[in-house]
C-alpha cells in the first residue's frame, strides 16, 4: 500500500487506544470506525471531504472529538437525526457505536451524501439512512435525539431540536459561540457536559418541559 493511500486510514487498535481514554467503546465500534477511515481515505483522493491530511490528526481532532460527544448518548436511546452530516462526524460514529439505533444523516451536498451512503455500506451498518437534501426539505424522521456538529451555532441547533420534536440535543461547539445570556435555552436543561481543550465542549441537553 502506498504512503498516499494510507494517509487517513486508521487501524482498529489505534482507534481503540485513542478513544477509550475518553470512554470505553462498545464491542465492534473500533473495527467499524477503521472501515470508515479506509473508505474516507479512498474518497479523499478524488475530493476533499475533510481537512485532515494525516491519520493521527483525524484520530485526535476528528474521531476523538466526535466520540467525546457521542458517548454521552449511551443512556439516551431512540432515533437519531444528524444535521449537516458532512463526512460522518458525529452521525456515523453514533451509528457505529450503536447499530441498533436508527440514524438519519442529512447532507445537502450530493458528493458527501454519496460518500455517507458508501461508508455506511462499507461499515456494514444497516441502521443508517442518508438524506441528500436540506433540512427544510426533509420529511419523515421522528427523532428522539438531534445532533449537529458544524451545522449552526449552539442556540440554532437547539432550535432545530425543537422543530423536530427531539427530547435530547447534542451540541458540540466552542464557548465563543455560546450566547452571552440564556444558555441553556428555556425549556432545556444541561444534562452533562464534556469539556475539551482550546475552549471547546460537548453538551447534552434534555427537555425540561
C-alpha atoms as a PDB file:
ATOM      1  CA  UNK A   1       0.000   0.000   0.000  1.00  0.00           C
ATOM      2  CA  UNK A   2       1.397   3.384  -0.957  1.00  0.00           C
ATOM      3  CA  UNK A   3       2.048   6.104   1.572  1.00  0.00           C
ATOM      4  CA  UNK A   4      -0.564   8.277  -0.116  1.00  0.00           C
ATOM      5  CA  UNK A   5      -3.266   5.654   0.173  1.00  0.00           C
ATOM      6  CA  UNK A   6      -2.674   5.152   3.908  1.00  0.00           C
ATOM      7  CA  UNK A   7      -2.713   8.812   4.976  1.00  0.00           C
ATOM      8  CA  UNK A   8      -6.100   8.721   6.696  1.00  0.00           C
ATOM      9  CA  UNK A   9      -6.566   5.014   7.286  1.00  0.00           C
ATOM     10  CA  UNK A  10      -6.503   4.123  10.990  1.00  0.00           C
ATOM     11  CA  UNK A  11      -6.325   0.634  12.466  1.00  0.00           C
ATOM     12  CA  UNK A  12      -8.864  -0.609  14.969  1.00  0.00           C
ATOM     13  CA  UNK A  13      -6.201  -0.870  17.735  1.00  0.00           C
ATOM     14  CA  UNK A  14      -5.131   2.737  17.099  1.00  0.00           C
ATOM     15  CA  UNK A  15      -8.744   3.899  17.272  1.00  0.00           C
ATOM     16  CA  UNK A  16      -9.326   1.913  20.464  1.00  0.00           C
ATOM     17  CA  UNK A  17      -6.214   3.446  22.040  1.00  0.00           C
ATOM     18  CA  UNK A  18      -7.209   6.989  21.076  1.00  0.00           C
ATOM     19  CA  UNK A  19     -10.876   6.824  22.072  1.00  0.00           C
ATOM     20  CA  UNK A  20     -11.016   4.518  25.099  1.00  0.00           C
ATOM     21  CA  UNK A  21      -9.423   7.063  27.494  1.00  0.00           C
ATOM     22  CA  UNK A  22     -12.490   9.241  26.833  1.00  0.00           C
ATOM     23  CA  UNK A  23     -14.960   6.399  27.345  1.00  0.00           C
ATOM     24  CA  UNK A  24     -14.938   2.628  26.657  1.00  0.00           C
ATOM     25  CA  UNK A  25     -16.018   1.648  23.149  1.00  0.00           C
ATOM     26  CA  UNK A  26     -18.834  -0.888  22.678  1.00  0.00           C
ATOM     27  CA  UNK A  27     -17.670  -4.128  21.023  1.00  0.00           C
ATOM     28  CA  UNK A  28     -17.075  -3.776  17.284  1.00  0.00           C
ATOM     29  CA  UNK A  29     -17.045   0.032  17.303  1.00  0.00           C
ATOM     30  CA  UNK A  30     -13.315   0.426  16.630  1.00  0.00           C
ATOM     31  CA  UNK A  31     -13.468  -2.094  13.778  1.00  0.00           C
ATOM     32  CA  UNK A  32     -16.389  -0.288  12.151  1.00  0.00           C
ATOM     33  CA  UNK A  33     -14.664   3.071  12.503  1.00  0.00           C
ATOM     34  CA  UNK A  34     -11.496   1.641  10.968  1.00  0.00           C
ATOM     35  CA  UNK A  35     -13.567   0.722   7.907  1.00  0.00           C
ATOM     36  CA  UNK A  36     -14.895   4.292   7.839  1.00  0.00           C
ATOM     37  CA  UNK A  37     -11.358   5.716   7.786  1.00  0.00           C
ATOM     38  CA  UNK A  38     -10.389   3.381   4.936  1.00  0.00           C
ATOM     39  CA  UNK A  39     -13.411   4.460   2.888  1.00  0.00           C
ATOM     40  CA  UNK A  40     -12.734   8.103   3.732  1.00  0.00           C
ATOM     41  CA  UNK A  41      -9.135   7.709   2.601  1.00  0.00           C
ATOM     42  CA  UNK A  42     -10.257   6.191  -0.709  1.00  0.00           C
ATOM     43  CA  UNK A  43     -12.723   9.001  -1.433  1.00  0.00           C
ATOM     44  CA  UNK A  44     -10.333  11.694  -0.253  1.00  0.00           C
ATOM     45  CA  UNK A  45      -8.099  11.012  -3.247  1.00  0.00           C
ATOM     46  CA  UNK A  46     -10.759  12.368  -5.619  1.00  0.00           C
ATOM     47  CA  UNK A  47     -12.411  15.031  -3.454  1.00  0.00           C
ATOM     48  CA  UNK A  48     -11.641  16.765  -0.202  1.00  0.00           C
ATOM     49  CA  UNK A  49     -14.122  15.501   2.356  1.00  0.00           C
ATOM     50  CA  UNK A  50     -12.132  16.506   5.442  1.00  0.00           C
ATOM     51  CA  UNK A  51      -9.328  18.939   6.124  1.00  0.00           C
ATOM     52  CA  UNK A  52      -7.047  16.475   7.899  1.00  0.00           C
ATOM     53  CA  UNK A  53      -4.125  15.059   5.963  1.00  0.00           C
ATOM     54  CA  UNK A  54      -2.730  12.572   8.481  1.00  0.00           C
ATOM     55  CA  UNK A  55      -4.283   9.660  10.326  1.00  0.00           C
ATOM     56  CA  UNK A  56      -3.048  10.977  13.681  1.00  0.00           C
ATOM     57  CA  UNK A  57      -4.844  14.279  13.119  1.00  0.00           C
ATOM     58  CA  UNK A  58      -8.029  12.505  12.043  1.00  0.00           C
ATOM     59  CA  UNK A  59      -7.869  10.446  15.224  1.00  0.00           C
ATOM     60  CA  UNK A  60      -7.126  13.323  17.589  1.00  0.00           C
ATOM     61  CA  UNK A  61      -9.198  16.121  16.082  1.00  0.00           C
ATOM     62  CA  UNK A  62     -11.908  14.184  14.265  1.00  0.00           C
ATOM     63  CA  UNK A  63     -12.765  10.845  15.817  1.00  0.00           C
ATOM     64  CA  UNK A  64     -11.772  11.686  19.405  1.00  0.00           C
ATOM     65  CA  UNK A  65     -13.797  14.895  19.399  1.00  0.00           C
ATOM     66  CA  UNK A  66     -16.790  13.146  17.888  1.00  0.00           C
ATOM     67  CA  UNK A  67     -16.549  10.328  20.421  1.00  0.00           C
ATOM     68  CA  UNK A  68     -16.348  12.856  23.259  1.00  0.00           C
ATOM     69  CA  UNK A  69     -19.921  13.786  22.363  1.00  0.00           C
ATOM     70  CA  UNK A  70     -21.306  10.502  21.068  1.00  0.00           C
ATOM     71  CA  UNK A  71     -20.508   8.512  24.207  1.00  0.00           C
ATOM     72  CA  UNK A  72     -22.792  10.884  26.137  1.00  0.00           C
ATOM     73  CA  UNK A  73     -25.729   9.420  24.184  1.00  0.00           C
ATOM     74  CA  UNK A  74     -25.349   5.899  25.583  1.00  0.00           C
ATOM     75  CA  UNK A  75     -28.203   6.387  28.036  1.00  0.00           C
ATOM     76  CA  UNK A  76     -30.384   8.455  25.685  1.00  0.00           C
ATOM     77  CA  UNK A  77     -31.947   5.903  23.288  1.00  0.00           C
ATOM     78  CA  UNK A  78     -34.131   6.488  20.271  1.00  0.00           C
ATOM     79  CA  UNK A  79     -33.923   7.541  16.649  1.00  0.00           C
ATOM     80  CA  UNK A  80     -31.112   9.998  15.959  1.00  0.00           C
ATOM     81  CA  UNK A  81     -31.177  12.819  13.417  1.00  0.00           C
ATOM     82  CA  UNK A  82     -27.795  14.306  12.442  1.00  0.00           C
ATOM     83  CA  UNK A  83     -27.966  17.587  10.527  1.00  0.00           C
ATOM     84  CA  UNK A  84     -25.172  18.644   8.190  1.00  0.00           C
ATOM     85  CA  UNK A  85     -23.512  15.249   8.457  1.00  0.00           C
ATOM     86  CA  UNK A  86     -20.538  16.062   6.210  1.00  0.00           C
ATOM     87  CA  UNK A  87     -18.139  13.129   6.295  1.00  0.00           C
ATOM     88  CA  UNK A  88     -19.990  11.395   9.132  1.00  0.00           C
ATOM     89  CA  UNK A  89     -18.855  13.130  12.303  1.00  0.00           C
ATOM     90  CA  UNK A  90     -20.647  12.538  14.605  1.00  0.00           C
ATOM     91  CA  UNK A  91     -23.505  10.719  12.830  1.00  0.00           C
ATOM     92  CA  UNK A  92     -21.624   7.663  11.581  1.00  0.00           C
ATOM     93  CA  UNK A  93     -19.717   7.438  14.856  1.00  0.00           C
ATOM     94  CA  UNK A  94     -23.034   7.230  16.707  1.00  0.00           C
ATOM     95  CA  UNK A  95     -24.292   4.588  14.270  1.00  0.00           C
ATOM     96  CA  UNK A  96     -21.091   2.572  14.642  1.00  0.00           C
ATOM     97  CA  UNK A  97     -21.326   2.644  18.429  1.00  0.00           C
ATOM     98  CA  UNK A  98     -24.958   1.533  18.492  1.00  0.00           C
ATOM     99  CA  UNK A  99     -26.017  -0.477  15.407  1.00  0.00           C
ATOM    100  CA  UNK A 100     -29.478  -0.938  16.939  1.00  0.00           C
ATOM    101  CA  UNK A 101     -30.211   2.800  16.907  1.00  0.00           C
ATOM    102  CA  UNK A 102     -31.807   4.189  13.733  1.00  0.00           C
ATOM    103  CA  UNK A 103     -29.667   7.075  12.478  1.00  0.00           C
ATOM    104  CA  UNK A 104     -30.730   9.604   9.840  1.00  0.00           C
ATOM    105  CA  UNK A 105     -27.908  11.556   8.193  1.00  0.00           C
ATOM    106  CA  UNK A 106     -28.863  14.795   6.447  1.00  0.00           C
ATOM    107  CA  UNK A 107     -26.364  16.225   3.973  1.00  0.00           C
ATOM    108  CA  UNK A 108     -27.303  18.608   1.177  1.00  0.00           C
ATOM    109  CA  UNK A 109     -24.012  18.292  -0.740  1.00  0.00           C
ATOM    110  CA  UNK A 110     -24.510  15.481  -3.249  1.00  0.00           C
ATOM    111  CA  UNK A 111     -20.984  14.050  -3.216  1.00  0.00           C
ATOM    112  CA  UNK A 112     -20.828  13.975   0.559  1.00  0.00           C
ATOM    113  CA  UNK A 113     -24.220  12.303   0.739  1.00  0.00           C
ATOM    114  CA  UNK A 114     -22.926   9.681  -1.713  1.00  0.00           C
ATOM    115  CA  UNK A 115     -19.882   9.144   0.493  1.00  0.00           C
ATOM    116  CA  UNK A 116     -22.028   8.711   3.595  1.00  0.00           C
ATOM    117  CA  UNK A 117     -24.080   6.011   1.892  1.00  0.00           C
ATOM    118  CA  UNK A 118     -20.929   4.237   0.661  1.00  0.00           C
ATOM    119  CA  UNK A 119     -19.293   4.459   4.075  1.00  0.00           C
ATOM    120  CA  UNK A 120     -22.350   3.033   5.834  1.00  0.00           C
ATOM    121  CA  UNK A 121     -22.296   0.072   3.437  1.00  0.00           C
ATOM    122  CA  UNK A 122     -18.554  -0.447   3.933  1.00  0.00           C
ATOM    123  CA  UNK A 123     -19.069  -0.408   7.713  1.00  0.00           C
ATOM    124  CA  UNK A 124     -21.856  -2.969   7.471  1.00  0.00           C
ATOM    125  CA  UNK A 125     -24.350  -0.582   9.053  1.00  0.00           C
ATOM    126  CA  UNK A 126     -27.990  -1.291   8.276  1.00  0.00           C
ATOM    127  CA  UNK A 127     -29.291   1.272  10.763  1.00  0.00           C
ATOM    128  CA  UNK A 128     -28.308   4.323   8.679  1.00  0.00           C
ATOM    129  CA  UNK A 129     -30.485   6.256   6.250  1.00  0.00           C
ATOM    130  CA  UNK A 130     -28.857   9.041   4.230  1.00  0.00           C
ATOM    131  CA  UNK A 131     -30.931  12.010   3.077  1.00  0.00           C
ATOM    132  CA  UNK A 132     -29.304  14.048   0.315  1.00  0.00           C
ATOM    133  CA  UNK A 133     -31.282  17.220   0.931  1.00  0.00           C
ATOM    134  CA  UNK A 134     -31.527  20.342   3.058  1.00  0.00           C
ATOM    135  CA  UNK A 135     -33.211  20.199   6.433  1.00  0.00           C
ATOM    136  CA  UNK A 136     -36.228  22.167   5.228  1.00  0.00           C
ATOM    137  CA  UNK A 137     -36.867  19.576   2.507  1.00  0.00           C
ATOM    138  CA  UNK A 138     -36.646  16.592   4.835  1.00  0.00           C
ATOM    139  CA  UNK A 139     -39.732  14.579   5.694  1.00  0.00           C
ATOM    140  CA  UNK A 140     -40.332  11.509   7.777  1.00  0.00           C
ATOM    141  CA  UNK A 141     -37.939  11.121  10.731  1.00  0.00           C
ATOM    142  CA  UNK A 142     -39.350  11.423  14.231  1.00  0.00           C
ATOM    143  CA  UNK A 143     -36.128  11.727  16.203  1.00  0.00           C
ATOM    144  CA  UNK A 144     -35.685  11.444  19.944  1.00  0.00           C
ATOM    145  CA  UNK A 145     -32.127  12.765  19.646  1.00  0.00           C
ATOM    146  CA  UNK A 146     -30.735  15.507  17.418  1.00  0.00           C
ATOM    147  CA  UNK A 147     -27.052  16.120  16.750  1.00  0.00           C
ATOM    148  CA  UNK A 148     -25.211  18.661  14.637  1.00  0.00           C
ATOM    149  CA  UNK A 149     -21.527  19.465  14.530  1.00  0.00           C
ATOM    150  CA  UNK A 150     -20.849  22.227  12.039  1.00  0.00           C
ATOM    151  CA  UNK A 151     -24.490  22.855  11.152  1.00  0.00           C
ATOM    152  CA  UNK A 152     -25.038  26.090  13.082  1.00  0.00           C
ATOM    153  CA  UNK A 153     -24.422  27.943  16.348  1.00  0.00           C
ATOM    154  CA  UNK A 154     -25.442  26.063  19.539  1.00  0.00           C
ATOM    155  CA  UNK A 155     -28.661  28.019  20.029  1.00  0.00           C
ATOM    156  CA  UNK A 156     -29.710  27.229  16.443  1.00  0.00           C
ATOM    157  CA  UNK A 157     -29.038  23.536  16.996  1.00  0.00           C
ATOM    158  CA  UNK A 158     -31.373  23.552  19.995  1.00  0.00           C
ATOM    159  CA  UNK A 159     -33.980  25.390  17.926  1.00  0.00           C
ATOM    160  CA  UNK A 160     -33.675  22.649  15.292  1.00  0.00           C
ATOM    161  CA  UNK A 161     -34.240  20.038  18.005  1.00  0.00           C
ATOM    162  CA  UNK A 162     -37.416  21.871  18.980  1.00  0.00           C
ATOM    163  CA  UNK A 163     -38.621  21.941  15.371  1.00  0.00           C
ATOM    164  CA  UNK A 164     -38.181  18.181  15.091  1.00  0.00           C
ATOM    165  CA  UNK A 165     -39.651  17.393  18.484  1.00  0.00           C
ATOM    166  CA  UNK A 166     -36.450  15.823  19.806  1.00  0.00           C
ATOM    167  CA  UNK A 167     -36.174  15.461  23.560  1.00  0.00           C
ATOM    168  CA  UNK A 168     -32.365  15.271  23.591  1.00  0.00           C
ATOM    169  CA  UNK A 169     -29.869  17.501  21.826  1.00  0.00           C
ATOM    170  CA  UNK A 170     -26.112  17.004  21.485  1.00  0.00           C
ATOM    171  CA  UNK A 171     -24.193  20.215  20.858  1.00  0.00           C
ATOM    172  CA  UNK A 172     -20.506  20.345  20.017  1.00  0.00           C
ATOM    173  CA  UNK A 173     -19.005  23.791  19.698  1.00  0.00           C
ATOM    174  CA  UNK A 174     -16.666  26.391  21.152  1.00  0.00           C
ATOM    175  CA  UNK A 175     -17.614  28.512  24.131  1.00  0.00           C
ATOM    176  CA  UNK A 176     -17.115  31.604  21.994  1.00  0.00           C
ATOM    177  CA  UNK A 177     -20.266  30.631  20.059  1.00  0.00           C
ATOM    178  CA  UNK A 178     -22.475  30.377  23.138  1.00  0.00           C
ATOM    179  CA  UNK A 179     -24.977  33.192  23.695  1.00  0.00           C
ATOM    180  CA  UNK A 180     -23.988  35.648  26.418  1.00  0.00           C
ATOM    181  CA  UNK A 181     -27.317  35.026  28.125  1.00  0.00           C
ATOM    182  CA  UNK A 182     -29.947  32.306  28.050  1.00  0.00           C
ATOM    183  CA  UNK A 183     -27.851  29.147  27.995  1.00  0.00           C
ATOM    184  CA  UNK A 184     -29.210  26.559  28.220  1.00  0.00           C
ATOM    185  CA  UNK A 185     -32.334  27.892  26.492  1.00  0.00           C
ATOM    186  CA  UNK A 186     -35.657  27.991  28.286  1.00  0.00           C
ATOM    187  CA  UNK A 187     -37.314  24.580  28.385  1.00  0.00           C
ATOM    188  CA  UNK A 188     -33.982  22.732  28.295  1.00  0.00           C
ATOM    189  CA  UNK A 189     -31.533  21.678  30.959  1.00  0.00           C
ATOM    190  CA  UNK A 190     -27.872  20.792  30.737  1.00  0.00           C
ATOM    191  CA  UNK A 191     -27.739  17.054  31.396  1.00  0.00           C
ATOM    192  CA  UNK A 192     -23.992  16.565  31.112  1.00  0.00           C
ATOM    193  CA  UNK A 193     -21.029  18.376  29.581  1.00  0.00           C
ATOM    194  CA  UNK A 194     -17.692  17.095  28.334  1.00  0.00           C
ATOM    195  CA  UNK A 195     -15.071  19.879  28.198  1.00  0.00           C
ATOM    196  CA  UNK A 196     -12.293  19.781  25.632  1.00  0.00           C
ATOM    197  CA  UNK A 197      -9.161  21.799  25.128  1.00  0.00           C
ATOM    198  CA  UNK A 198      -8.985  25.096  23.244  1.00  0.00           C
ATOM    199  CA  UNK A 199     -12.296  26.297  24.676  1.00  0.00           C
ATOM    200  CA  UNK A 200     -14.351  23.558  23.036  1.00  0.00           C
ATOM    201  CA  UNK A 201     -17.018  21.389  24.640  1.00  0.00           C
ATOM    202  CA  UNK A 202     -19.802  18.878  24.048  1.00  0.00           C
ATOM    203  CA  UNK A 203     -23.068  19.370  25.888  1.00  0.00           C
ATOM    204  CA  UNK A 204     -26.019  17.030  26.153  1.00  0.00           C
ATOM    205  CA  UNK A 205     -29.249  18.945  26.683  1.00  0.00           C
ATOM    206  CA  UNK A 206     -32.610  17.402  27.522  1.00  0.00           C
ATOM    207  CA  UNK A 207     -36.054  18.927  27.532  1.00  0.00           C
ATOM    208  CA  UNK A 208     -37.136  20.065  30.968  1.00  0.00           C
ATOM    209  CA  UNK A 209     -40.687  20.972  29.948  1.00  0.00           C
END
